[in-house]
């Protein structure tokens, strides 16, 4: 059975990702992902205190042809 980069079997992947899952998938920090989600730049929804992201929605979002968000300079 094929495996993900994290070693999990592909069939075992959940349809819903946590902030940790998506940050690892996108290779960004959790703090950056929180900011992107709060600003509506990444499709997700808050469930109580926690962000959740549908894998299919994220895959569709990633496949869209659009400019990448610019990094903010401090």
N, C-alpha and C. Protein backbone atom coordinates (compact mmCIF):
# COMPACT_ATOMS: atom_id res chain seq x y z
N UNK A 1 0.85 -1.18 0.00
CA UNK A 1 0.00 0.00 0.00
C UNK A 1 0.89 1.24 0.00
N UNK A 2 0.58 2.24 -0.84
CA UNK A 2 1.39 3.47 -0.85
C UNK A 2 1.32 4.20 0.49
N UNK A 3 2.37 4.94 0.78
CA UNK A 3 2.43 5.66 2.06
C UNK A 3 2.66 7.15 1.81
N UNK A 4 2.21 7.96 2.79
CA UNK A 4 2.45 9.40 2.73
C UNK A 4 3.87 9.68 3.17
N UNK A 5 4.28 10.96 3.08
CA UNK A 5 5.61 11.33 3.55
C UNK A 5 5.78 11.06 5.04
N UNK A 6 4.69 11.06 5.78
CA UNK A 6 4.77 10.82 7.22
C UNK A 6 4.74 9.34 7.54
N UNK A 7 4.68 8.49 6.51
CA UNK A 7 4.71 7.06 6.73
C UNK A 7 3.36 6.41 6.95
N UNK A 8 2.29 7.21 6.93
CA UNK A 8 0.95 6.65 7.12
C UNK A 8 0.47 6.06 5.80
N UNK A 9 -0.23 4.92 5.86
CA UNK A 9 -0.82 4.41 4.63
C UNK A 9 -1.81 5.42 4.05
N UNK A 10 -1.84 5.55 2.75
CA UNK A 10 -2.71 6.53 2.10
C UNK A 10 -4.16 6.32 2.50
N UNK A 11 -4.62 5.09 2.57
CA UNK A 11 -6.01 4.81 2.92
C UNK A 11 -6.36 5.28 4.33
N UNK A 12 -5.35 5.42 5.20
CA UNK A 12 -5.60 5.81 6.58
C UNK A 12 -5.74 7.32 6.75
N UNK A 13 -5.47 8.09 5.69
CA UNK A 13 -5.57 9.54 5.82
C UNK A 13 -7.02 9.95 6.03
N UNK A 14 -7.21 10.87 6.93
CA UNK A 14 -8.54 11.36 7.23
C UNK A 14 -8.99 12.39 6.19
N UNK A 15 -10.29 12.50 6.01
CA UNK A 15 -10.85 13.51 5.10
C UNK A 15 -10.74 14.90 5.70
N UNK A 16 -10.51 14.99 7.00
CA UNK A 16 -10.41 16.27 7.69
C UNK A 16 -9.02 16.36 8.33
N UNK A 17 -8.38 17.51 8.15
CA UNK A 17 -7.04 17.72 8.70
C UNK A 17 -7.08 18.76 9.82
N UNK A 18 -6.19 18.58 10.78
CA UNK A 18 -6.00 19.55 11.85
C UNK A 18 -4.97 20.58 11.40
N UNK A 19 -4.77 21.59 12.21
CA UNK A 19 -3.76 22.60 11.91
C UNK A 19 -2.37 21.96 11.81
N UNK A 20 -2.10 20.97 12.68
CA UNK A 20 -0.81 20.27 12.63
C UNK A 20 -0.65 19.50 11.33
N UNK A 21 -1.71 18.78 10.93
CA UNK A 21 -1.67 18.01 9.69
C UNK A 21 -1.41 18.91 8.49
N UNK A 22 -2.17 20.01 8.41
CA UNK A 22 -2.05 20.88 7.24
C UNK A 22 -0.73 21.64 7.23
N UNK A 23 -0.25 22.06 8.39
CA UNK A 23 1.05 22.75 8.45
C UNK A 23 2.15 21.82 7.93
N UNK A 24 2.11 20.56 8.32
CA UNK A 24 3.10 19.59 7.83
C UNK A 24 2.94 19.37 6.33
N UNK A 25 1.70 19.26 5.88
CA UNK A 25 1.41 19.03 4.46
C UNK A 25 1.90 20.19 3.60
N UNK A 26 1.68 21.42 4.05
CA UNK A 26 2.07 22.61 3.30
C UNK A 26 3.51 23.05 3.58
N UNK A 27 4.12 22.43 4.59
CA UNK A 27 5.48 22.78 5.02
C UNK A 27 5.58 24.25 5.41
N UNK A 28 4.63 24.68 6.24
CA UNK A 28 4.64 26.03 6.81
C UNK A 28 4.51 25.91 8.31
N UNK A 29 4.84 26.97 9.02
CA UNK A 29 4.70 26.94 10.47
C UNK A 29 3.22 27.01 10.86
N UNK A 30 2.93 26.49 12.04
CA UNK A 30 1.55 26.55 12.52
C UNK A 30 1.11 27.99 12.70
N UNK A 31 2.00 28.86 13.17
CA UNK A 31 1.61 30.26 13.38
C UNK A 31 1.27 30.93 12.05
N UNK A 32 2.02 30.63 11.00
CA UNK A 32 1.70 31.19 9.67
C UNK A 32 0.36 30.67 9.19
N UNK A 33 0.10 29.39 9.40
CA UNK A 33 -1.15 28.79 8.96
C UNK A 33 -2.34 29.36 9.74
N UNK A 34 -2.19 29.57 11.04
CA UNK A 34 -3.26 30.20 11.83
C UNK A 34 -3.61 31.56 11.23
N UNK A 35 -2.59 32.35 10.92
CA UNK A 35 -2.81 33.69 10.37
C UNK A 35 -3.50 33.61 9.01
N UNK A 36 -3.04 32.72 8.14
CA UNK A 36 -3.67 32.55 6.82
C UNK A 36 -5.13 32.12 6.95
N UNK A 37 -5.40 31.21 7.88
CA UNK A 37 -6.77 30.74 8.08
C UNK A 37 -7.65 31.87 8.62
N UNK A 38 -7.16 32.60 9.61
CA UNK A 38 -7.93 33.70 10.18
C UNK A 38 -8.21 34.79 9.15
N UNK A 39 -7.29 35.00 8.23
CA UNK A 39 -7.46 36.02 7.18
C UNK A 39 -8.28 35.50 6.00
N UNK A 40 -8.69 34.23 6.04
CA UNK A 40 -9.50 33.66 4.97
C UNK A 40 -8.70 33.32 3.72
N UNK A 41 -7.39 33.22 3.84
CA UNK A 41 -6.54 32.92 2.68
C UNK A 41 -6.37 31.42 2.46
N UNK A 42 -6.71 30.63 3.47
CA UNK A 42 -6.71 29.17 3.37
C UNK A 42 -8.12 28.71 3.74
N UNK A 43 -8.74 27.86 2.91
CA UNK A 43 -10.11 27.44 3.22
C UNK A 43 -10.15 26.47 4.41
N UNK A 44 -10.86 26.88 5.42
CA UNK A 44 -11.01 26.04 6.61
C UNK A 44 -12.13 26.59 7.47
N UNK A 45 -12.40 25.90 8.55
CA UNK A 45 -13.42 26.41 9.46
C UNK A 45 -13.02 26.10 10.88
N UNK A 46 -13.46 26.97 11.76
CA UNK A 46 -13.17 26.81 13.16
C UNK A 46 -14.29 26.00 13.81
N UNK A 47 -13.90 24.99 14.55
CA UNK A 47 -14.84 24.16 15.30
C UNK A 47 -14.47 24.35 16.76
N UNK A 48 -15.27 25.17 17.45
CA UNK A 48 -14.89 25.55 18.81
C UNK A 48 -13.63 26.39 18.74
N UNK A 49 -12.59 25.94 19.43
CA UNK A 49 -11.31 26.66 19.44
C UNK A 49 -10.36 26.15 18.35
N UNK A 50 -10.74 25.11 17.64
CA UNK A 50 -9.82 24.42 16.75
C UNK A 50 -10.17 24.61 15.27
N UNK A 51 -9.14 24.76 14.45
CA UNK A 51 -9.32 24.85 13.01
C UNK A 51 -9.35 23.46 12.41
N UNK A 52 -10.23 23.27 11.41
CA UNK A 52 -10.31 22.02 10.66
C UNK A 52 -10.33 22.34 9.17
N UNK A 53 -9.71 21.48 8.39
CA UNK A 53 -9.57 21.69 6.96
C UNK A 53 -9.94 20.40 6.23
N UNK A 54 -10.84 20.50 5.27
CA UNK A 54 -11.22 19.33 4.48
C UNK A 54 -10.14 19.08 3.43
N UNK A 55 -9.65 17.85 3.41
CA UNK A 55 -8.56 17.48 2.50
C UNK A 55 -8.91 17.78 1.04
N UNK A 56 -10.13 17.42 0.62
CA UNK A 56 -10.54 17.65 -0.77
C UNK A 56 -10.56 19.14 -1.10
N UNK A 57 -11.06 19.96 -0.17
CA UNK A 57 -11.10 21.41 -0.39
C UNK A 57 -9.68 21.97 -0.49
N UNK A 58 -8.78 21.50 0.35
CA UNK A 58 -7.39 21.96 0.30
C UNK A 58 -6.73 21.53 -1.00
N UNK A 59 -6.97 20.28 -1.43
CA UNK A 59 -6.41 19.81 -2.70
C UNK A 59 -6.90 20.67 -3.86
N UNK A 60 -8.19 21.00 -3.86
CA UNK A 60 -8.75 21.86 -4.91
C UNK A 60 -8.13 23.26 -4.85
N UNK A 61 -8.00 23.79 -3.65
CA UNK A 61 -7.42 25.12 -3.44
C UNK A 61 -5.98 25.16 -3.94
N UNK A 62 -5.23 24.11 -3.66
CA UNK A 62 -3.83 24.05 -4.10
C UNK A 62 -3.70 23.96 -5.61
N UNK A 63 -4.69 23.35 -6.26
CA UNK A 63 -4.60 23.17 -7.71
C UNK A 63 -5.06 24.39 -8.50
N UNK A 64 -5.63 25.39 -7.82
CA UNK A 64 -6.06 26.61 -8.50
C UNK A 64 -4.85 27.39 -8.99
N UNK A 65 -5.00 28.01 -10.13
CA UNK A 65 -3.92 28.81 -10.70
C UNK A 65 -4.07 30.24 -10.19
N UNK A 66 -3.32 30.58 -9.17
CA UNK A 66 -3.38 31.91 -8.58
C UNK A 66 -2.02 32.25 -8.01
N UNK A 67 -1.73 33.53 -7.86
CA UNK A 67 -0.43 33.90 -7.28
C UNK A 67 -0.35 33.47 -5.82
N UNK A 68 0.82 33.09 -5.40
CA UNK A 68 1.04 32.70 -4.00
C UNK A 68 0.98 33.93 -3.12
N UNK A 69 0.51 33.78 -1.86
CA UNK A 69 0.51 34.93 -0.95
C UNK A 69 1.94 35.39 -0.70
N UNK A 70 2.11 36.69 -0.61
CA UNK A 70 3.44 37.25 -0.36
C UNK A 70 3.76 37.18 1.12
N UNK A 71 5.00 36.88 1.42
CA UNK A 71 5.44 36.83 2.82
C UNK A 71 5.50 38.25 3.36
N UNK A 72 5.09 38.40 4.61
CA UNK A 72 5.17 39.71 5.25
C UNK A 72 6.55 39.89 5.83
N UNK A 73 7.07 41.08 5.69
CA UNK A 73 8.39 41.39 6.26
C UNK A 73 8.19 42.11 7.58
N UNK A 74 9.03 41.77 8.52
CA UNK A 74 8.92 42.39 9.85
C UNK A 74 9.96 43.44 10.01
